[in-house]
Amino acid sequence: MNNSSIASQFSMLAKLMELHGENSFRTKNYSIAAFNIEKLPVELSDLDPGDIYAIKGIG
């Protein structure tokens, strides 16, 4: 799965959460994560799981 696909899933999740009345802070965080994933210079799938937590706006 590439970054664009992952970002799309996070974005969709944020929209669905918003439609279902989830906490707006939480939905915004998913949208921010989608944006940050889309802009990453490396693919998330190429990183070690521990390294993902260190990425600002994602981990």
C-alpha atoms as a PDB file:
ATOM      1  CA  MET A   1       0.000   0.000   0.000  1.00  0.00           C
ATOM      2  CA  ASN A   2       1.476   3.373  -0.962  1.00  0.00           C
ATOM      3  CA  ASN A   3       1.242   6.673   0.922  1.00  0.00           C
ATOM      4  CA  SER A   4      -1.502   7.998  -1.312  1.00  0.00           C
ATOM      5  CA  SER A   5      -3.712   4.983  -0.576  1.00  0.00           C
ATOM      6  CA  ILE A   6      -3.031   5.176   3.149  1.00  0.00           C
ATOM      7  CA  ALA A   7      -3.749   8.913   3.202  1.00  0.00           C
ATOM      8  CA  SER A   8      -6.987   8.330   1.324  1.00  0.00           C
ATOM      9  CA  GLN A   9      -8.094   5.780   3.930  1.00  0.00           C
ATOM     10  CA  PHE A  10      -7.305   8.171   6.792  1.00  0.00           C
ATOM     11  CA  SER A  11      -9.195  10.951   5.038  1.00  0.00           C
ATOM     12  CA  MET A  12     -12.221   8.724   4.469  1.00  0.00           C
ATOM     13  CA  LEU A  13     -12.154   7.619   8.095  1.00  0.00           C
ATOM     14  CA  ALA A  14     -12.094  11.259   9.239  1.00  0.00           C
ATOM     15  CA  LYS A  15     -15.112  12.071   7.063  1.00  0.00           C
ATOM     16  CA  LEU A  16     -17.063   9.059   8.306  1.00  0.00           C
ATOM     17  CA  MET A  17     -16.238   9.882  11.914  1.00  0.00           C
ATOM     18  CA  GLU A  18     -17.434  13.446  11.376  1.00  0.00           C
ATOM     19  CA  LEU A  19     -20.697  12.220   9.845  1.00  0.00           C
ATOM     20  CA  HIS A  20     -21.260   9.988  12.863  1.00  0.00           C
ATOM     21  CA  GLY A  21     -20.694  12.842  15.306  1.00  0.00           C
ATOM     22  CA  GLU A  22     -17.325  11.793  16.661  1.00  0.00           C
ATOM     23  CA  ASN A  23     -15.197  14.227  18.629  1.00  0.00           C
ATOM     24  CA  SER A  24     -14.078  17.010  16.263  1.00  0.00           C
ATOM     25  CA  PHE A  25     -10.559  17.022  17.747  1.00  0.00           C
ATOM     26  CA  ARG A  26     -10.190  13.350  16.880  1.00  0.00           C
ATOM     27  CA  THR A  27     -11.530  13.722  13.337  1.00  0.00           C
ATOM     28  CA  LYS A  28      -9.208  16.669  12.717  1.00  0.00           C
ATOM     29  CA  ASN A  29      -6.234  14.578  13.829  1.00  0.00           C
ATOM     30  CA  TYR A  30      -7.101  11.924  11.243  1.00  0.00           C
ATOM     31  CA  SER A  31      -7.326  14.603   8.548  1.00  0.00           C
ATOM     32  CA  ILE A  32      -3.954  16.031   9.582  1.00  0.00           C
ATOM     33  CA  ALA A  33      -2.419  12.554   9.532  1.00  0.00           C
ATOM     34  CA  ALA A  34      -3.777  12.010   6.005  1.00  0.00           C
ATOM     35  CA  PHE A  35      -2.226  15.283   4.845  1.00  0.00           C
ATOM     36  CA  ASN A  36       1.125  14.491   6.467  1.00  0.00           C
ATOM     37  CA  ILE A  37       1.232  10.967   5.045  1.00  0.00           C
ATOM     38  CA  GLU A  38       0.524  12.283   1.545  1.00  0.00           C
ATOM     39  CA  LYS A  39       3.473  14.701   1.831  1.00  0.00           C
ATOM     40  CA  LEU A  40       6.044  12.224   3.174  1.00  0.00           C
ATOM     41  CA  PRO A  41       9.151  11.828   0.994  1.00  0.00           C
ATOM     42  CA  VAL A  42       9.337   8.081   1.805  1.00  0.00           C
ATOM     43  CA  GLU A  43       6.743   5.329   1.718  1.00  0.00           C
ATOM     44  CA  LEU A  44       5.359   4.338   5.119  1.00  0.00           C
ATOM     45  CA  SER A  45       5.518   0.708   4.070  1.00  0.00           C
ATOM     46  CA  ASP A  46       9.315   1.014   3.782  1.00  0.00           C
ATOM     47  CA  LEU A  47       9.725   2.229   7.376  1.00  0.00           C
ATOM     48  CA  ASP A  48      10.067   0.200  10.549  1.00  0.00           C
ATOM     49  CA  PRO A  49       6.915   0.445  12.699  1.00  0.00           C
ATOM     50  CA  GLY A  50       8.876   2.189  15.462  1.00  0.00           C
ATOM     51  CA  ASP A  51      10.015   4.895  13.054  1.00  0.00           C
ATOM     52  CA  ILE A  52       6.432   5.734  12.101  1.00  0.00           C
ATOM     53  CA  TYR A  53       5.679   6.814  15.674  1.00  0.00           C
ATOM     54  CA  ALA A  54       8.440   9.419  15.431  1.00  0.00           C
ATOM     55  CA  ILE A  55       6.881  11.198  12.442  1.00  0.00           C
ATOM     56  CA  LYS A  56       5.311  14.484  13.511  1.00  0.00           C
ATOM     57  CA  GLY A  57       1.561  14.544  12.948  1.00  0.00           C
ATOM     58  CA  ILE A  58       1.288  10.784  12.616  1.00  0.00           C
ATOM     59  CA  GLY A  59       2.845   8.946  15.570  1.00  0.00           C
END
